[in-house]
Amino acid sequence: MNVLAAVSIAVCWLVFAAVWLITANYNETRAPAQRQRSWYGTGAIPVLIISFAVRLAVPRADWQAVTFSAPWARFLGLAILLAATALTLWARFALGLMWSAAPAVKEGHQLRTSGPYAITRHPIYTGLLGMLLGTMLVAGAGPWIVPFPIALILIEFKIRIEERFMTAEFPQDYPRYRRRVPQLVPGLRVLTGHQDVAG
């Protein structure tokens, strides 16, 4: 991995981490009380632990089969990484005090359906997966290929919990929102020819 790739990856993830820490601290004293909260928290730690364990378990030479250095892939990865970082931060600020690390329902909970939430129902997760995909391409894959599928599985599990909470909290609005806006991939409804059947 060259210097430009390493710097790009480091800057995007450091900006993401800084914003998350600052806004989490801000929410700690200002966010509404939680009425319902899942036991399932952030999936970051499991992703890191599993990825590190796999990297240690697989001999270094074996990663060569899934390592590449094509310039076009790295430029594509950089574009994805930058766009995904921007989407993640936009969604985090749009969610405001309704954000929490674990799926939760708060006092006076507000359903966000505009801005990034009009593009995908879970733009933060879309952005995080995009950041992982972009990182993998910029880094030339190899062991960087591991975090993406692990994160995808854990995020999908978390989404199921969140959507169950939202459907119970907004029994009229959330089902209509689900039919109108794709879960993770922007534009997927258009590509599949989906028609909004909400009343």
C-alpha atoms as a PDB file:
ATOM      1  CA  MET A   1       0.000   0.000   0.000  1.00  0.00           C
ATOM      2  CA  ASN A   2       1.490   3.348  -1.022  1.00  0.00           C
ATOM      3  CA  VAL A   3       1.673   6.486   1.112  1.00  0.00           C
ATOM      4  CA  LEU A   4      -1.288   8.226  -0.566  1.00  0.00           C
ATOM      5  CA  ALA A   5      -3.507   5.194   0.030  1.00  0.00           C
ATOM      6  CA  ALA A   6      -2.437   4.930   3.670  1.00  0.00           C
ATOM      7  CA  VAL A   7      -3.012   8.653   4.294  1.00  0.00           C
ATOM      8  CA  SER A   8      -6.443   8.587   2.609  1.00  0.00           C
ATOM      9  CA  ILE A   9      -7.576   5.644   4.710  1.00  0.00           C
ATOM     10  CA  ALA A  10      -6.192   7.129   7.922  1.00  0.00           C
ATOM     11  CA  VAL A  11      -7.753  10.581   7.399  1.00  0.00           C
ATOM     12  CA  CYS A  12     -11.233   9.252   6.599  1.00  0.00           C
ATOM     13  CA  TRP A  13     -11.346   6.862   9.548  1.00  0.00           C
ATOM     14  CA  LEU A  14      -9.845   9.394  11.967  1.00  0.00           C
ATOM     15  CA  VAL A  15     -12.416  12.019  10.957  1.00  0.00           C
ATOM     16  CA  PHE A  16     -15.159   9.435  11.381  1.00  0.00           C
ATOM     17  CA  ALA A  17     -13.861   8.390  14.826  1.00  0.00           C
ATOM     18  CA  ALA A  18     -13.454  11.988  16.001  1.00  0.00           C
ATOM     19  CA  VAL A  19     -16.974  12.981  14.960  1.00  0.00           C
ATOM     20  CA  TRP A  20     -18.431   9.877  16.597  1.00  0.00           C
ATOM     21  CA  LEU A  21     -16.636  10.465  19.901  1.00  0.00           C
ATOM     22  CA  ILE A  22     -17.544  14.155  20.031  1.00  0.00           C
ATOM     23  CA  THR A  23     -21.189  13.657  19.126  1.00  0.00           C
ATOM     24  CA  ALA A  24     -21.559  10.632  21.440  1.00  0.00           C
ATOM     25  CA  ASN A  25     -20.275  12.768  24.306  1.00  0.00           C
ATOM     26  CA  TYR A  26     -22.689  15.564  23.301  1.00  0.00           C
ATOM     27  CA  ASN A  27     -25.609  13.122  23.231  1.00  0.00           C
ATOM     28  CA  GLU A  28     -24.710  11.732  26.639  1.00  0.00           C
ATOM     29  CA  THR A  29     -26.072  14.784  28.483  1.00  0.00           C
ATOM     30  CA  ARG A  30     -28.635  16.134  26.002  1.00  0.00           C
ATOM     31  CA  ALA A  31     -30.400  13.180  24.354  1.00  0.00           C
ATOM     32  CA  PRO A  32     -33.923  12.199  25.484  1.00  0.00           C
ATOM     33  CA  ALA A  33     -34.225   9.280  27.902  1.00  0.00           C
ATOM     34  CA  GLN A  34     -34.458   5.824  26.362  1.00  0.00           C
ATOM     35  CA  ARG A  35     -37.739   3.944  26.789  1.00  0.00           C
ATOM     36  CA  GLN A  36     -36.519   0.760  25.132  1.00  0.00           C
ATOM     37  CA  ARG A  37     -33.019  -0.431  24.376  1.00  0.00           C
ATOM     38  CA  SER A  38     -31.586  -3.576  22.812  1.00  0.00           C
ATOM     39  CA  TRP A  39     -28.762  -5.553  24.406  1.00  0.00           C
ATOM     40  CA  TYR A  40     -27.018  -5.435  21.034  1.00  0.00           C
ATOM     41  CA  GLY A  41     -24.523  -2.589  20.888  1.00  0.00           C
ATOM     42  CA  THR A  42     -21.907  -1.579  18.366  1.00  0.00           C
ATOM     43  CA  GLY A  43     -20.428  -4.274  16.149  1.00  0.00           C
ATOM     44  CA  ALA A  44     -17.067  -2.510  15.817  1.00  0.00           C
ATOM     45  CA  ILE A  45     -15.276  -4.579  18.448  1.00  0.00           C
ATOM     46  CA  PRO A  46     -16.355  -7.996  17.051  1.00  0.00           C
ATOM     47  CA  VAL A  47     -15.350  -6.868  13.545  1.00  0.00           C
ATOM     48  CA  LEU A  48     -11.898  -5.833  14.768  1.00  0.00           C
ATOM     49  CA  ILE A  49     -11.352  -8.978  16.852  1.00  0.00           C
ATOM     50  CA  ILE A  50     -12.475 -11.413  14.132  1.00  0.00           C
ATOM     51  CA  SER A  51     -10.567  -9.580  11.401  1.00  0.00           C
ATOM     52  CA  PHE A  52      -7.381  -9.559  13.494  1.00  0.00           C
ATOM     53  CA  ALA A  53      -7.761 -13.242  14.362  1.00  0.00           C
ATOM     54  CA  VAL A  54      -8.252 -14.209  10.688  1.00  0.00           C
ATOM     55  CA  ARG A  55      -5.266 -12.116   9.664  1.00  0.00           C
ATOM     56  CA  LEU A  56      -3.073 -13.928  12.182  1.00  0.00           C
ATOM     57  CA  ALA A  57      -4.460 -17.361  11.294  1.00  0.00           C
ATOM     58  CA  VAL A  58      -3.882 -17.075   7.537  1.00  0.00           C
ATOM     59  CA  PRO A  59      -0.226 -17.200   6.441  1.00  0.00           C
ATOM     60  CA  ARG A  60       0.984 -13.948   4.907  1.00  0.00           C
ATOM     61  CA  ALA A  61       1.817 -15.599   1.570  1.00  0.00           C
ATOM     62  CA  ASP A  62      -1.763 -16.863   1.184  1.00  0.00           C
ATOM     63  CA  TRP A  63      -3.126 -13.320   1.064  1.00  0.00           C
ATOM     64  CA  GLN A  64      -1.353 -12.780  -2.270  1.00  0.00           C
ATOM     65  CA  ALA A  65      -4.137 -14.632  -4.087  1.00  0.00           C
ATOM     66  CA  VAL A  66      -6.620 -11.886  -3.139  1.00  0.00           C
ATOM     67  CA  THR A  67      -4.226  -8.933  -3.359  1.00  0.00           C
ATOM     68  CA  PHE A  68      -4.132  -6.548  -6.333  1.00  0.00           C
ATOM     69  CA  SER A  69      -2.473  -3.271  -7.285  1.00  0.00           C
ATOM     70  CA  ALA A  70      -4.573  -2.041 -10.218  1.00  0.00           C
ATOM     71  CA  PRO A  71      -4.587   1.801 -10.226  1.00  0.00           C
ATOM     72  CA  TRP A  72      -8.208   1.971 -11.435  1.00  0.00           C
ATOM     73  CA  ALA A  73      -9.343  -0.110  -8.447  1.00  0.00           C
ATOM     74  CA  ARG A  74      -7.543   2.184  -6.036  1.00  0.00           C
ATOM     75  CA  PHE A  75      -9.006   5.328  -7.616  1.00  0.00           C
ATOM     76  CA  LEU A  76     -12.467   3.745  -7.498  1.00  0.00           C
ATOM     77  CA  GLY A  77     -11.849   2.783  -3.884  1.00  0.00           C
ATOM     78  CA  LEU A  78     -10.788   6.314  -2.984  1.00  0.00           C
ATOM     79  CA  ALA A  79     -13.947   7.757  -4.571  1.00  0.00           C
ATOM     80  CA  ILE A  80     -16.108   5.253  -2.670  1.00  0.00           C
ATOM     81  CA  LEU A  81     -14.239   5.906   0.592  1.00  0.00           C
ATOM     82  CA  LEU A  82     -14.646   9.691   0.357  1.00  0.00           C
ATOM     83  CA  ALA A  83     -18.314   9.529  -0.680  1.00  0.00           C
ATOM     84  CA  ALA A  84     -19.134   6.963   1.993  1.00  0.00           C
ATOM     85  CA  THR A  85     -17.393   9.000   4.699  1.00  0.00           C
ATOM     86  CA  ALA A  86     -19.400  12.069   3.678  1.00  0.00           C
ATOM     87  CA  LEU A  87     -22.662  10.073   3.710  1.00  0.00           C
ATOM     88  CA  THR A  88     -21.910   8.634   7.148  1.00  0.00           C
ATOM     89  CA  LEU A  89     -21.199  12.048   8.666  1.00  0.00           C
ATOM     90  CA  TRP A  90     -24.221  13.641   6.952  1.00  0.00           C
ATOM     91  CA  ALA A  91     -26.487  10.914   8.320  1.00  0.00           C
ATOM     92  CA  ARG A  92     -25.028  11.185  11.813  1.00  0.00           C
ATOM     93  CA  PHE A  93     -25.661  14.938  11.956  1.00  0.00           C
ATOM     94  CA  ALA A  94     -29.137  14.506  10.432  1.00  0.00           C
ATOM     95  CA  LEU A  95     -30.052  11.934  13.087  1.00  0.00           C
ATOM     96  CA  GLY A  96     -28.965  14.267  15.861  1.00  0.00           C
ATOM     97  CA  LEU A  97     -30.108  13.375  19.362  1.00  0.00           C
ATOM     98  CA  MET A  98     -32.048  10.351  18.096  1.00  0.00           C
ATOM     99  CA  TRP A  99     -28.758   8.502  17.566  1.00  0.00           C
ATOM    100  CA  SER A 100     -27.634   5.789  19.985  1.00  0.00           C
ATOM    101  CA  ALA A 101     -24.949   3.113  19.830  1.00  0.00           C
ATOM    102  CA  ALA A 102     -27.463   0.330  20.452  1.00  0.00           C
ATOM    103  CA  PRO A 103     -30.932   0.079  18.872  1.00  0.00           C
ATOM    104  CA  ALA A 104     -33.238   2.132  21.103  1.00  0.00           C
ATOM    105  CA  VAL A 105     -36.512   4.033  21.301  1.00  0.00           C
ATOM    106  CA  LYS A 106     -36.336   7.395  23.078  1.00  0.00           C
ATOM    107  CA  GLU A 107     -38.864   9.686  24.705  1.00  0.00           C
ATOM    108  CA  GLY A 108     -40.555  11.674  21.946  1.00  0.00           C
ATOM    109  CA  HIS A 109     -38.752   9.607  19.347  1.00  0.00           C
ATOM    110  CA  GLN A 110     -38.717  11.196  15.898  1.00  0.00           C
ATOM    111  CA  LEU A 111     -38.678   9.216  12.670  1.00  0.00           C
ATOM    112  CA  ARG A 112     -36.170  10.621  10.184  1.00  0.00           C
ATOM    113  CA  THR A 113     -37.256  10.223   6.552  1.00  0.00           C
ATOM    114  CA  SER A 114     -35.621  13.189   4.811  1.00  0.00           C
ATOM    115  CA  GLY A 115     -32.076  14.100   3.794  1.00  0.00           C
ATOM    116  CA  PRO A 116     -29.860  10.982   3.770  1.00  0.00           C
ATOM    117  CA  TYR A 117     -32.803   8.986   5.177  1.00  0.00           C
ATOM    118  CA  ALA A 118     -34.684   9.581   1.924  1.00  0.00           C
ATOM    119  CA  ILE A 119     -31.865   7.781   0.073  1.00  0.00           C
ATOM    120  CA  THR A 120     -31.612   4.710   2.296  1.00  0.00           C
ATOM    121  CA  ARG A 121     -33.286   3.718   5.561  1.00  0.00           C
ATOM    122  CA  HIS A 122     -29.903   3.180   7.222  1.00  0.00           C
ATOM    123  CA  PRO A 123     -27.463   5.681   5.683  1.00  0.00           C
ATOM    124  CA  ILE A 124     -24.973   5.391   8.540  1.00  0.00           C
ATOM    125  CA  TYR A 125     -24.645   1.658   7.911  1.00  0.00           C
ATOM    126  CA  THR A 126     -24.545   2.209   4.159  1.00  0.00           C
ATOM    127  CA  GLY A 127     -21.747   4.710   4.725  1.00  0.00           C
ATOM    128  CA  LEU A 128     -19.806   2.401   7.040  1.00  0.00           C
ATOM    129  CA  LEU A 129     -20.014  -0.492   4.599  1.00  0.00           C
ATOM    130  CA  GLY A 130     -18.960   1.884   1.819  1.00  0.00           C
ATOM    131  CA  MET A 131     -15.985   3.016   3.904  1.00  0.00           C
ATOM    132  CA  LEU A 132     -14.949  -0.611   4.433  1.00  0.00           C
ATOM    133  CA  LEU A 133     -15.365  -1.390   0.733  1.00  0.00           C
ATOM    134  CA  GLY A 134     -13.431   1.723  -0.267  1.00  0.00           C
ATOM    135  CA  THR A 135     -10.690   0.913   2.244  1.00  0.00           C
ATOM    136  CA  MET A 136     -10.399  -2.615   0.850  1.00  0.00           C
ATOM    137  CA  LEU A 137     -10.018  -1.330  -2.725  1.00  0.00           C
ATOM    138  CA  VAL A 138      -7.573   1.443  -1.818  1.00  0.00           C
ATOM    139  CA  ALA A 139      -5.465  -0.994   0.227  1.00  0.00           C
ATOM    140  CA  GLY A 140      -5.434  -3.562  -2.582  1.00  0.00           C
ATOM    141  CA  ALA A 141      -7.548  -6.132  -0.710  1.00  0.00           C
ATOM    142  CA  GLY A 142      -5.424  -8.881   0.876  1.00  0.00           C
ATOM    143  CA  PRO A 143      -6.361  -9.129   4.587  1.00  0.00           C
ATOM    144  CA  TRP A 144      -8.432  -5.949   4.158  1.00  0.00           C
ATOM    145  CA  ILE A 145     -11.028  -8.127   2.443  1.00  0.00           C
ATOM    146  CA  VAL A 146     -12.085  -9.674   5.772  1.00  0.00           C
ATOM    147  CA  PRO A 147     -13.860  -6.822   7.663  1.00  0.00           C
ATOM    148  CA  PHE A 148     -16.500  -6.107   5.000  1.00  0.00           C
ATOM    149  CA  PRO A 149     -18.451  -9.408   5.064  1.00  0.00           C
ATOM    150  CA  ILE A 150     -18.231  -9.598   8.865  1.00  0.00           C
ATOM    151  CA  ALA A 151     -19.559  -6.049   9.223  1.00  0.00           C
ATOM    152  CA  LEU A 152     -22.324  -6.765   6.698  1.00  0.00           C
ATOM    153  CA  ILE A 153     -23.588  -9.730   8.743  1.00  0.00           C
ATOM    154  CA  LEU A 154     -23.483  -7.826  12.054  1.00  0.00           C
ATOM    155  CA  ILE A 155     -25.119  -4.731  10.562  1.00  0.00           C
ATOM    156  CA  GLU A 156     -27.912  -6.777   9.009  1.00  0.00           C
ATOM    157  CA  PHE A 157     -28.603  -8.319  12.417  1.00  0.00           C
ATOM    158  CA  LYS A 158     -28.678  -4.860  14.027  1.00  0.00           C
ATOM    159  CA  ILE A 159     -30.986  -3.540  11.311  1.00  0.00           C
ATOM    160  CA  ARG A 160     -33.535  -6.270  12.059  1.00  0.00           C
ATOM    161  CA  ILE A 161     -33.665  -5.157  15.700  1.00  0.00           C
ATOM    162  CA  GLU A 162     -33.923  -1.462  14.812  1.00  0.00           C
ATOM    163  CA  GLU A 163     -36.671  -1.998  12.249  1.00  0.00           C
ATOM    164  CA  ARG A 164     -38.680  -4.083  14.711  1.00  0.00           C
ATOM    165  CA  PHE A 165     -38.454  -1.198  17.202  1.00  0.00           C
ATOM    166  CA  MET A 166     -39.409   1.392  14.589  1.00  0.00           C
ATOM    167  CA  THR A 167     -42.358  -0.631  13.301  1.00  0.00           C
ATOM    168  CA  ALA A 168     -43.708  -0.957  16.849  1.00  0.00           C
ATOM    169  CA  GLU A 169     -43.160   2.743  17.561  1.00  0.00           C
ATOM    170  CA  PHE A 170     -44.513   4.020  14.211  1.00  0.00           C
ATOM    171  CA  PRO A 171     -47.003   1.335  13.071  1.00  0.00           C
ATOM    172  CA  GLN A 172     -48.499   3.563  10.352  1.00  0.00           C
ATOM    173  CA  ASP A 173     -45.514   5.557   9.107  1.00  0.00           C
ATOM    174  CA  TYR A 174     -42.659   3.062   9.209  1.00  0.00           C
ATOM    175  CA  PRO A 175     -44.204   0.374   6.970  1.00  0.00           C
ATOM    176  CA  ARG A 176     -44.913   3.065   4.344  1.00  0.00           C
ATOM    177  CA  TYR A 177     -41.350   4.348   4.711  1.00  0.00           C
ATOM    178  CA  ARG A 178     -39.972   0.816   4.311  1.00  0.00           C
ATOM    179  CA  ARG A 179     -41.880   0.324   1.086  1.00  0.00           C
ATOM    180  CA  ARG A 180     -40.654   3.638  -0.311  1.00  0.00           C
ATOM    181  CA  VAL A 181     -36.965   3.671   0.642  1.00  0.00           C
ATOM    182  CA  PRO A 182     -34.401   0.844   0.205  1.00  0.00           C
ATOM    183  CA  GLN A 183     -32.742  -0.644   3.257  1.00  0.00           C
ATOM    184  CA  LEU A 184     -29.053  -0.127   2.426  1.00  0.00           C
ATOM    185  CA  VAL A 185     -28.337   0.277  -1.297  1.00  0.00           C
ATOM    186  CA  PRO A 186     -29.412   3.671  -2.720  1.00  0.00           C
ATOM    187  CA  GLY A 187     -31.426   3.364  -5.918  1.00  0.00           C
ATOM    188  CA  LEU A 188     -32.095  -0.344  -5.464  1.00  0.00           C
ATOM    189  CA  ARG A 189     -35.868   0.150  -5.743  1.00  0.00           C
ATOM    190  CA  VAL A 190     -35.436   1.894  -9.074  1.00  0.00           C
ATOM    191  CA  LEU A 191     -33.123  -0.807 -10.400  1.00  0.00           C
ATOM    192  CA  THR A 192     -35.538  -3.578  -9.417  1.00  0.00           C
ATOM    193  CA  GLY A 193     -38.550  -1.716 -10.789  1.00  0.00           C
ATOM    194  CA  HIS A 194     -40.164  -1.496  -7.326  1.00  0.00           C
ATOM    195  CA  GLN A 195     -43.425   0.427  -7.168  1.00  0.00           C
ATOM    196  CA  ASP A 196     -44.422   2.233  -3.963  1.00  0.00           C
ATOM    197  CA  VAL A 197     -47.667   0.624  -2.817  1.00  0.00           C
ATOM    198  CA  ALA A 198     -48.064   2.668   0.355  1.00  0.00           C
ATOM    199  CA  GLY A 199     -51.411   4.299   0.844  1.00  0.00           C
END
